[in-house]
Amino acid sequence: MPRFTSTAARQAASLVAEAVADADAPLVLPETCRPTTMAAGRRIAALALDHLGLVSVGLRLAPGVDGAGLIAGPVIEGRLLRSPRVVPPPGPGRRRCTLAVVGQLAEPLPARERPWRGQEVLARLASLHPAIDLGATRFAEGPPDLPQHVADLAGLGLVLFGPPARSGWRQAVLKPLAASVEPEGWRGTVDVGAALVGAAEEARAAGGLPAGAVLVVAGLSPALADAPAVARITRLGSVERLTAPPQG
């Protein structure tokens, strides 16, 4: 397999950055700069953020390419939106919406040797918010494979988050919680504590996170309609995506 060169990484990163900056510009990575490994994909994503003058403020764990499970990627502050909010849909087939949570760290998550446990992670969080993750792809028909998905900021789109959960949430999330999304009618249970540990473990493997960073865990529900909705997680609260006002 040919070595993935710095020139190829920079070329791919420039194309990713252009697509991120212009939501209507579909992303195409030529074969000459197409990543074939996860490491190359992460390298391109980091270079793309640098090209845009952006710094990741945390870690987002969200569904990857079909069957790949949850994939870690960056979080950009400007992509975190407070609820309630109107979020217009993008072009068809270019966004995947799922129930999520957002936690902000009061203390660092260092890159220590031993794994994180649930209560340790929860003790380091300053706040926890219910959220709707609007994962996006810059590829016109979705990412062709996992390395290109990772290069495309691991599908980062927008994250709409609600008010912080009230006191008692650290104890509440130690067991699965009931959740719902209306008017879609989805109901299920979500293991928020386990999801946050998964994100903390990804952060540990990536070198840790400082105090103030955020953890986003998406994929807590099946794919939802890309439409206005109210999502609720018992004991954590709700997040609302508003309907756009009529034109004219």
Protein backbone atom coordinates (compact mmCIF):
# COMPACT_ATOMS: atom_id res chain seq x y z
CA MET A 1 0.00 0.00 0.00
CA PRO A 2 1.50 3.41 -0.98
CA ARG A 3 2.41 5.74 1.87
CA PHE A 4 -0.12 8.49 2.58
CA THR A 5 2.02 11.59 2.13
CA SER A 6 1.83 14.99 3.80
CA THR A 7 1.02 16.51 0.41
CA ALA A 8 -1.95 14.18 -0.02
CA ALA A 9 -3.17 14.90 3.53
CA ARG A 10 -3.01 18.67 2.96
CA GLN A 11 -4.82 18.38 -0.37
CA ALA A 12 -7.61 16.32 1.18
CA ALA A 13 -7.83 18.65 4.19
CA SER A 14 -8.24 21.66 1.90
CA LEU A 15 -11.14 19.95 0.13
CA VAL A 16 -12.79 19.00 3.43
CA ALA A 17 -12.38 22.56 4.74
CA GLU A 18 -13.99 23.99 1.59
CA ALA A 19 -16.96 21.64 1.96
CA VAL A 20 -17.36 22.48 5.67
CA ALA A 21 -17.29 26.21 4.92
CA ASP A 22 -19.81 25.89 2.07
CA ALA A 23 -22.70 23.57 2.98
CA ASP A 24 -23.83 23.42 -0.65
CA ALA A 25 -20.47 22.21 -1.94
CA PRO A 26 -20.37 18.40 -2.14
CA LEU A 27 -17.15 16.76 -1.02
CA VAL A 28 -15.20 14.57 -3.42
CA LEU A 29 -11.78 13.24 -2.48
CA PRO A 30 -9.71 12.24 -5.53
CA GLU A 31 -7.99 8.88 -5.38
CA THR A 32 -4.63 10.65 -5.08
CA CYS A 33 -5.55 12.03 -1.64
CA ARG A 34 -8.18 9.57 -0.42
CA PRO A 35 -7.49 8.13 3.05
CA THR A 36 -7.51 4.37 3.41
CA THR A 37 -6.88 4.14 7.16
CA MET A 38 -8.53 5.63 10.25
CA ALA A 39 -5.24 7.33 11.16
CA ALA A 40 -5.11 9.08 7.78
CA GLY A 41 -8.75 10.15 8.17
CA ARG A 42 -8.06 11.66 11.59
CA ARG A 43 -4.98 13.43 10.23
CA ILE A 44 -7.05 15.01 7.44
CA ALA A 45 -9.77 16.11 9.88
CA ALA A 46 -7.21 17.80 12.15
CA LEU A 47 -5.59 19.58 9.22
CA ALA A 48 -9.01 20.70 7.94
CA LEU A 49 -9.82 22.33 11.28
CA ASP A 50 -6.43 24.04 11.24
CA HIS A 51 -7.09 25.24 7.68
CA LEU A 52 -10.40 26.76 8.87
CA GLY A 53 -8.77 28.33 11.93
CA LEU A 54 -10.94 26.22 14.25
CA VAL A 55 -10.07 24.32 17.40
CA SER A 56 -11.96 21.29 18.67
CA VAL A 57 -13.59 21.93 22.05
CA GLY A 58 -14.24 18.31 22.91
CA LEU A 59 -15.15 14.91 21.56
CA ARG A 60 -18.25 13.69 19.75
CA LEU A 61 -19.12 10.00 19.65
CA ALA A 62 -21.72 9.32 16.97
CA PRO A 63 -22.88 6.66 14.48
CA GLY A 64 -20.41 6.04 11.68
CA VAL A 65 -20.89 4.44 8.30
CA ASP A 66 -23.56 1.73 8.43
CA GLY A 67 -22.46 -1.14 10.65
CA ALA A 68 -19.35 0.63 11.95
CA GLY A 69 -20.75 1.49 15.39
CA LEU A 70 -19.94 4.76 17.14
CA ILE A 71 -17.00 6.80 15.84
CA ALA A 72 -15.17 9.57 17.69
CA GLY A 73 -14.58 12.95 16.10
CA PRO A 74 -14.11 16.63 16.95
CA VAL A 75 -16.60 19.16 18.32
CA ILE A 76 -16.61 22.78 17.09
CA GLU A 77 -18.04 25.43 19.41
CA GLY A 78 -20.01 27.15 16.64
CA ARG A 79 -21.82 23.88 15.87
CA LEU A 80 -23.28 23.66 19.41
CA LEU A 81 -26.67 25.39 19.40
CA ARG A 82 -28.88 26.18 22.39
CA SER A 83 -32.49 24.99 22.32
CA PRO A 84 -35.15 26.02 21.42
CA ARG A 85 -33.92 26.78 17.91
CA VAL A 86 -35.01 26.63 14.29
CA VAL A 87 -32.70 24.35 12.29
CA PRO A 88 -33.56 24.25 8.56
CA PRO A 89 -32.98 20.91 6.80
CA PRO A 90 -30.01 20.53 4.41
CA GLY A 91 -30.06 18.86 1.01
CA PRO A 92 -31.79 15.47 0.88
CA GLY A 93 -29.98 12.50 2.35
CA ARG A 94 -27.13 14.51 3.87
CA ARG A 95 -28.06 14.51 7.56
CA ARG A 96 -28.81 11.86 10.20
CA CYS A 97 -30.64 12.96 13.35
CA THR A 98 -30.47 11.02 16.61
CA LEU A 99 -31.11 11.60 20.31
CA ALA A 100 -27.95 12.66 22.16
CA VAL A 101 -26.55 14.10 25.37
CA VAL A 102 -23.95 16.83 25.91
CA GLY A 103 -21.79 16.98 29.03
CA GLN A 104 -19.31 19.71 29.96
CA LEU A 105 -16.28 18.82 32.03
CA ALA A 106 -15.61 20.58 35.32
CA GLU A 107 -12.38 18.57 35.70
CA PRO A 108 -9.99 17.11 33.12
CA LEU A 109 -10.23 13.60 31.72
CA PRO A 110 -6.53 12.70 31.60
CA ALA A 111 -5.01 10.02 29.39
CA ARG A 112 -4.42 7.63 32.28
CA GLU A 113 -3.68 3.91 31.97
CA ARG A 114 -6.73 2.43 33.69
CA PRO A 115 -10.24 2.66 32.16
CA TRP A 116 -12.82 5.14 33.37
CA ARG A 117 -15.74 4.00 35.53
CA GLY A 118 -19.20 5.50 35.42
CA GLN A 119 -19.20 7.40 38.70
CA GLU A 120 -15.71 8.76 38.02
CA VAL A 121 -16.83 10.25 34.70
CA LEU A 122 -20.03 11.67 36.15
CA ALA A 123 -18.12 13.29 39.03
CA ARG A 124 -16.01 15.21 36.49
CA LEU A 125 -18.99 16.71 34.67
CA ALA A 126 -20.20 20.22 35.49
CA SER A 127 -23.48 19.79 33.61
CA LEU A 128 -25.43 17.37 31.44
CA HIS A 129 -27.91 18.33 28.70
CA PRO A 130 -30.38 16.40 26.54
CA ALA A 131 -29.65 17.01 22.86
CA ILE A 132 -30.48 16.24 19.26
CA ASP A 133 -27.47 15.45 17.11
CA LEU A 134 -27.88 16.50 13.48
CA GLY A 135 -25.01 14.53 11.99
CA ALA A 136 -24.03 15.66 8.50
CA THR A 137 -22.01 14.42 5.59
CA ARG A 138 -20.38 16.64 3.00
CA PHE A 139 -20.40 13.76 0.49
CA ALA A 140 -23.34 14.02 -1.90
CA GLU A 141 -24.43 10.41 -1.34
CA GLY A 142 -22.91 9.82 2.09
CA PRO A 143 -19.34 8.81 2.96
CA PRO A 144 -18.05 5.97 0.77
CA ASP A 145 -16.15 4.31 3.64
CA LEU A 146 -15.06 4.78 7.24
CA PRO A 147 -11.70 6.55 6.68
CA GLN A 148 -13.40 9.17 4.49
CA HIS A 149 -16.18 9.54 7.08
CA VAL A 150 -13.53 10.25 9.73
CA ALA A 151 -11.82 12.75 7.42
CA ASP A 152 -15.21 14.48 7.03
CA LEU A 153 -15.05 15.43 10.74
CA ALA A 154 -16.72 12.09 11.61
CA GLY A 155 -20.02 13.42 10.34
CA LEU A 156 -20.13 16.54 12.52
CA GLY A 157 -23.07 18.74 11.62
CA LEU A 158 -24.98 20.58 14.35
CA VAL A 159 -25.74 19.66 17.96
CA LEU A 160 -28.88 21.21 19.46
CA PHE A 161 -28.80 21.01 23.27
CA GLY A 162 -31.36 21.80 25.95
CA PRO A 163 -31.06 23.32 29.44
CA PRO A 164 -28.86 21.56 31.99
CA ALA A 165 -30.39 18.70 33.94
CA ARG A 166 -31.50 19.54 37.47
CA SER A 167 -29.90 18.20 40.64
CA GLY A 168 -29.92 14.45 41.07
CA TRP A 169 -28.95 13.63 37.49
CA ARG A 170 -25.68 11.95 38.46
CA GLN A 171 -27.56 9.31 40.41
CA ALA A 172 -30.36 9.07 37.83
CA VAL A 173 -28.12 8.18 34.89
CA LEU A 174 -26.61 5.18 36.68
CA LYS A 175 -29.55 3.21 35.30
CA PRO A 176 -31.35 3.35 31.91
CA LEU A 177 -33.83 6.22 31.53
CA ALA A 178 -37.03 6.49 29.52
CA ALA A 179 -36.85 8.77 26.48
CA SER A 180 -39.22 10.00 23.77
CA VAL A 181 -39.32 12.13 20.63
CA GLU A 182 -42.51 13.88 19.52
CA PRO A 183 -44.33 14.21 17.16
CA GLU A 184 -42.41 11.24 15.74
CA GLY A 185 -43.75 8.97 18.46
CA TRP A 186 -40.45 7.23 19.25
CA ARG A 187 -40.12 5.87 22.78
CA GLY A 188 -37.32 3.86 24.28
CA THR A 189 -34.73 3.68 27.04
CA VAL A 190 -31.25 5.18 26.98
CA ASP A 191 -28.22 4.18 29.04
CA VAL A 192 -26.69 7.63 29.38
CA GLY A 193 -24.13 6.59 32.00
CA ALA A 194 -22.68 3.86 29.78
CA ALA A 195 -22.69 6.22 26.79
CA LEU A 196 -20.66 8.82 28.69
CA VAL A 197 -18.14 6.19 29.80
CA GLY A 198 -17.75 5.20 26.14
CA ALA A 199 -17.00 8.80 25.23
CA ALA A 200 -14.56 9.15 28.14
CA GLU A 201 -12.72 6.03 26.98
CA GLU A 202 -12.39 7.45 23.48
CA ALA A 203 -11.05 10.68 25.00
CA ARG A 204 -8.57 8.67 27.09
CA ALA A 205 -7.31 6.88 23.99
CA ALA A 206 -6.97 10.21 22.14
CA GLY A 207 -4.83 11.82 24.85
CA GLY A 208 -7.44 13.15 27.28
CA LEU A 209 -9.53 16.32 27.51
CA PRO A 210 -9.12 19.48 29.62
CA ALA A 211 -11.63 21.00 32.01
CA GLY A 212 -14.26 22.94 30.09
CA ALA A 213 -14.27 20.53 27.14
CA VAL A 214 -17.50 18.87 26.06
CA LEU A 215 -18.50 15.27 25.49
CA VAL A 216 -21.24 14.66 22.91
CA VAL A 217 -22.75 11.18 22.65
CA ALA A 218 -25.20 10.70 19.78
CA GLY A 219 -26.96 7.62 18.48
CA LEU A 220 -29.07 7.14 21.63
CA SER A 221 -32.09 6.52 19.39
CA PRO A 222 -32.71 5.16 15.92
CA ALA A 223 -32.43 7.68 13.10
CA LEU A 224 -35.12 10.34 13.51
CA ALA A 225 -36.97 12.46 10.99
CA ASP A 226 -34.99 15.58 10.03
CA ALA A 227 -37.82 17.81 11.24
CA PRO A 228 -38.96 19.96 14.18
CA ALA A 229 -39.31 17.87 17.32
CA VAL A 230 -39.24 17.80 21.11
CA ALA A 231 -36.99 15.13 22.63
CA ARG A 232 -37.19 14.22 26.31
CA ILE A 233 -35.05 12.10 28.59
CA THR A 234 -36.55 11.34 32.01
CA ARG A 235 -34.78 13.22 34.83
CA LEU A 236 -32.61 15.11 32.33
CA GLY A 237 -35.16 17.38 30.65
CA SER A 238 -35.97 18.22 27.05
CA VAL A 239 -34.59 19.81 23.88
CA GLU A 240 -36.74 21.46 21.23
CA ARG A 241 -36.20 22.02 17.53
CA LEU A 242 -38.66 24.69 16.41
CA THR A 243 -40.74 25.00 13.25
CA ALA A 244 -39.56 27.79 10.94
CA PRO A 245 -42.04 30.69 10.65
CA PRO A 246 -43.95 30.90 7.37
CA GLN A 247 -42.30 32.91 4.59
CA GLY A 248 -43.78 36.16 3.27
